[in-house]
Amino acid sequence: MALGIEAPHRLALSLGTAELRAQCILRSIQYWSGDDSIEALKTVLGDPKISSETRKNALNSLKQVVVYQQVHKVLCYYQPMKVRNNTLRLIL
């Protein structure tokens, strides 16, 4: 994430064309939180001007992010986290 940009997903949503916004978001969601990714992807999917291929990719990415969030919630619920040397580690 670039320094000084608090909400890069919102910046991506303000780019020129719908297709450009969608492509930028699809390439960037790996760096954003799950909630920010879902918000951006839902916004992109609501735009009728994106291509069918981009729509398909955005829908697949949305499904993946939702699943990842669900898995993360389960792991965080059942596995206590321990902070050591500024890194989070799962205690198995």
C-alpha atoms as a PDB file:
ATOM      1  CA  MET A   1       0.000   0.000   0.000  1.00  0.00           C
ATOM      2  CA  ALA A   2       1.315   3.434  -0.861  1.00  0.00           C
ATOM      3  CA  LEU A   3       2.129   5.709   2.025  1.00  0.00           C
ATOM      4  CA  GLY A   4      -0.402   8.448   2.665  1.00  0.00           C
ATOM      5  CA  ILE A   5      -3.345   6.714   1.004  1.00  0.00           C
ATOM      6  CA  GLU A   6      -5.710   5.595   3.730  1.00  0.00           C
ATOM      7  CA  ALA A   7      -8.273   3.929   1.459  1.00  0.00           C
ATOM      8  CA  PRO A   8      -6.650   2.817  -1.815  1.00  0.00           C
ATOM      9  CA  HIS A   9      -9.764   0.854  -2.790  1.00  0.00           C
ATOM     10  CA  ARG A  10     -11.715   4.110  -2.854  1.00  0.00           C
ATOM     11  CA  LEU A  11      -9.013   5.715  -4.976  1.00  0.00           C
ATOM     12  CA  ALA A  12      -9.269   2.825  -7.448  1.00  0.00           C
ATOM     13  CA  LEU A  13     -13.034   3.364  -7.629  1.00  0.00           C
ATOM     14  CA  SER A  14     -12.461   6.920  -8.835  1.00  0.00           C
ATOM     15  CA  LEU A  15     -10.376   5.976 -11.890  1.00  0.00           C
ATOM     16  CA  GLY A  16     -11.464   6.794 -15.451  1.00  0.00           C
ATOM     17  CA  THR A  17     -13.447   4.079 -17.207  1.00  0.00           C
ATOM     18  CA  ALA A  18     -15.388   1.230 -15.640  1.00  0.00           C
ATOM     19  CA  GLU A  19     -13.080  -1.329 -17.247  1.00  0.00           C
ATOM     20  CA  LEU A  20      -9.964   0.465 -15.960  1.00  0.00           C
ATOM     21  CA  ARG A  21     -11.422   0.594 -12.443  1.00  0.00           C
ATOM     22  CA  ALA A  22     -12.277  -3.094 -12.554  1.00  0.00           C
ATOM     23  CA  GLN A  23      -8.853  -4.137 -13.826  1.00  0.00           C
ATOM     24  CA  CYS A  24      -7.087  -2.011 -11.212  1.00  0.00           C
ATOM     25  CA  ILE A  25      -9.220  -3.472  -8.446  1.00  0.00           C
ATOM     26  CA  LEU A  26      -8.711  -7.059  -9.628  1.00  0.00           C
ATOM     27  CA  ARG A  27      -4.947  -6.542  -9.622  1.00  0.00           C
ATOM     28  CA  SER A  28      -4.902  -4.810  -6.232  1.00  0.00           C
ATOM     29  CA  ILE A  29      -7.313  -6.698  -3.966  1.00  0.00           C
ATOM     30  CA  GLN A  30      -4.542  -8.996  -2.764  1.00  0.00           C
ATOM     31  CA  TYR A  31      -3.134  -6.015  -0.845  1.00  0.00           C
ATOM     32  CA  TRP A  32      -6.403  -4.845   0.733  1.00  0.00           C
ATOM     33  CA  SER A  33      -8.457  -6.046   3.654  1.00  0.00           C
ATOM     34  CA  GLY A  34     -11.293  -8.456   2.964  1.00  0.00           C
ATOM     35  CA  ASP A  35     -13.947  -5.841   3.711  1.00  0.00           C
ATOM     36  CA  ASP A  36     -12.335  -3.270   1.404  1.00  0.00           C
ATOM     37  CA  SER A  37     -11.977  -5.864  -1.356  1.00  0.00           C
ATOM     38  CA  ILE A  38     -15.612  -6.912  -1.060  1.00  0.00           C
ATOM     39  CA  GLU A  39     -16.793  -3.299  -1.157  1.00  0.00           C
ATOM     40  CA  ALA A  40     -14.753  -2.532  -4.271  1.00  0.00           C
ATOM     41  CA  LEU A  41     -15.734  -5.749  -6.064  1.00  0.00           C
ATOM     42  CA  LYS A  42     -19.444  -5.254  -5.358  1.00  0.00           C
ATOM     43  CA  THR A  43     -19.209  -1.718  -6.695  1.00  0.00           C
ATOM     44  CA  VAL A  44     -17.478  -2.946  -9.855  1.00  0.00           C
ATOM     45  CA  LEU A  45     -20.054  -5.696 -10.351  1.00  0.00           C
ATOM     46  CA  GLY A  46     -22.826  -3.096 -10.179  1.00  0.00           C
ATOM     47  CA  ASP A  47     -21.447  -1.280 -13.216  1.00  0.00           C
ATOM     48  CA  PRO A  48     -23.012  -2.494 -16.492  1.00  0.00           C
ATOM     49  CA  LYS A  49     -20.129  -1.085 -18.567  1.00  0.00           C
ATOM     50  CA  ILE A  50     -17.540  -3.747 -17.699  1.00  0.00           C
ATOM     51  CA  SER A  51     -16.854  -6.598 -20.116  1.00  0.00           C
ATOM     52  CA  SER A  52     -18.324 -10.035 -19.504  1.00  0.00           C
ATOM     53  CA  GLU A  53     -14.849 -11.498 -18.944  1.00  0.00           C
ATOM     54  CA  THR A  54     -14.007  -8.840 -16.353  1.00  0.00           C
ATOM     55  CA  ARG A  55     -17.400  -9.372 -14.695  1.00  0.00           C
ATOM     56  CA  LYS A  56     -16.691 -13.103 -14.499  1.00  0.00           C
ATOM     57  CA  ASN A  57     -13.244 -12.463 -12.960  1.00  0.00           C
ATOM     58  CA  ALA A  58     -14.681  -9.993 -10.464  1.00  0.00           C
ATOM     59  CA  LEU A  59     -17.418 -12.422  -9.443  1.00  0.00           C
ATOM     60  CA  ASN A  60     -14.904 -15.243  -8.959  1.00  0.00           C
ATOM     61  CA  SER A  61     -12.646 -12.942  -6.930  1.00  0.00           C
ATOM     62  CA  LEU A  62     -15.584 -11.863  -4.782  1.00  0.00           C
ATOM     63  CA  LYS A  63     -16.428 -15.493  -4.041  1.00  0.00           C
ATOM     64  CA  GLN A  64     -12.791 -16.193  -3.115  1.00  0.00           C
ATOM     65  CA  VAL A  65     -12.522 -13.211  -0.787  1.00  0.00           C
ATOM     66  CA  VAL A  66     -15.742 -14.196   0.990  1.00  0.00           C
ATOM     67  CA  VAL A  67     -14.463 -17.753   1.487  1.00  0.00           C
ATOM     68  CA  TYR A  68     -11.080 -16.497   2.706  1.00  0.00           C
ATOM     69  CA  GLN A  69     -12.807 -14.244   5.229  1.00  0.00           C
ATOM     70  CA  GLN A  70     -14.934 -17.123   6.498  1.00  0.00           C
ATOM     71  CA  VAL A  71     -11.874 -19.336   6.913  1.00  0.00           C
ATOM     72  CA  HIS A  72     -10.007 -16.528   8.642  1.00  0.00           C
ATOM     73  CA  LYS A  73     -12.856 -16.012  11.107  1.00  0.00           C
ATOM     74  CA  VAL A  74     -12.934 -19.729  11.949  1.00  0.00           C
ATOM     75  CA  LEU A  75      -9.165 -19.885  12.413  1.00  0.00           C
ATOM     76  CA  CYS A  76      -9.115 -16.769  14.567  1.00  0.00           C
ATOM     77  CA  TYR A  77     -12.003 -18.093  16.655  1.00  0.00           C
ATOM     78  CA  TYR A  78     -10.508 -21.500  17.339  1.00  0.00           C
ATOM     79  CA  GLN A  79      -6.787 -20.711  17.245  1.00  0.00           C
ATOM     80  CA  PRO A  80      -5.505 -18.087  19.679  1.00  0.00           C
ATOM     81  CA  MET A  81      -2.980 -15.704  18.193  1.00  0.00           C
ATOM     82  CA  LYS A  82       0.338 -14.866  19.793  1.00  0.00           C
ATOM     83  CA  VAL A  83       2.437 -11.837  18.924  1.00  0.00           C
ATOM     84  CA  ARG A  84       6.164 -12.458  18.786  1.00  0.00           C
ATOM     85  CA  ASN A  85       8.702 -10.110  17.217  1.00  0.00           C
ATOM     86  CA  ASN A  86       5.968  -8.040  15.540  1.00  0.00           C
ATOM     87  CA  THR A  87       4.615 -11.044  13.642  1.00  0.00           C
ATOM     88  CA  LEU A  88       1.439 -12.965  14.267  1.00  0.00           C
ATOM     89  CA  ARG A  89       1.729 -16.722  14.546  1.00  0.00           C
ATOM     90  CA  LEU A  90      -0.896 -19.389  14.951  1.00  0.00           C
ATOM     91  CA  ILE A  91      -0.489 -21.528  18.002  1.00  0.00           C
ATOM     92  CA  LEU A  92      -1.078 -25.092  16.891  1.00  0.00           C
END
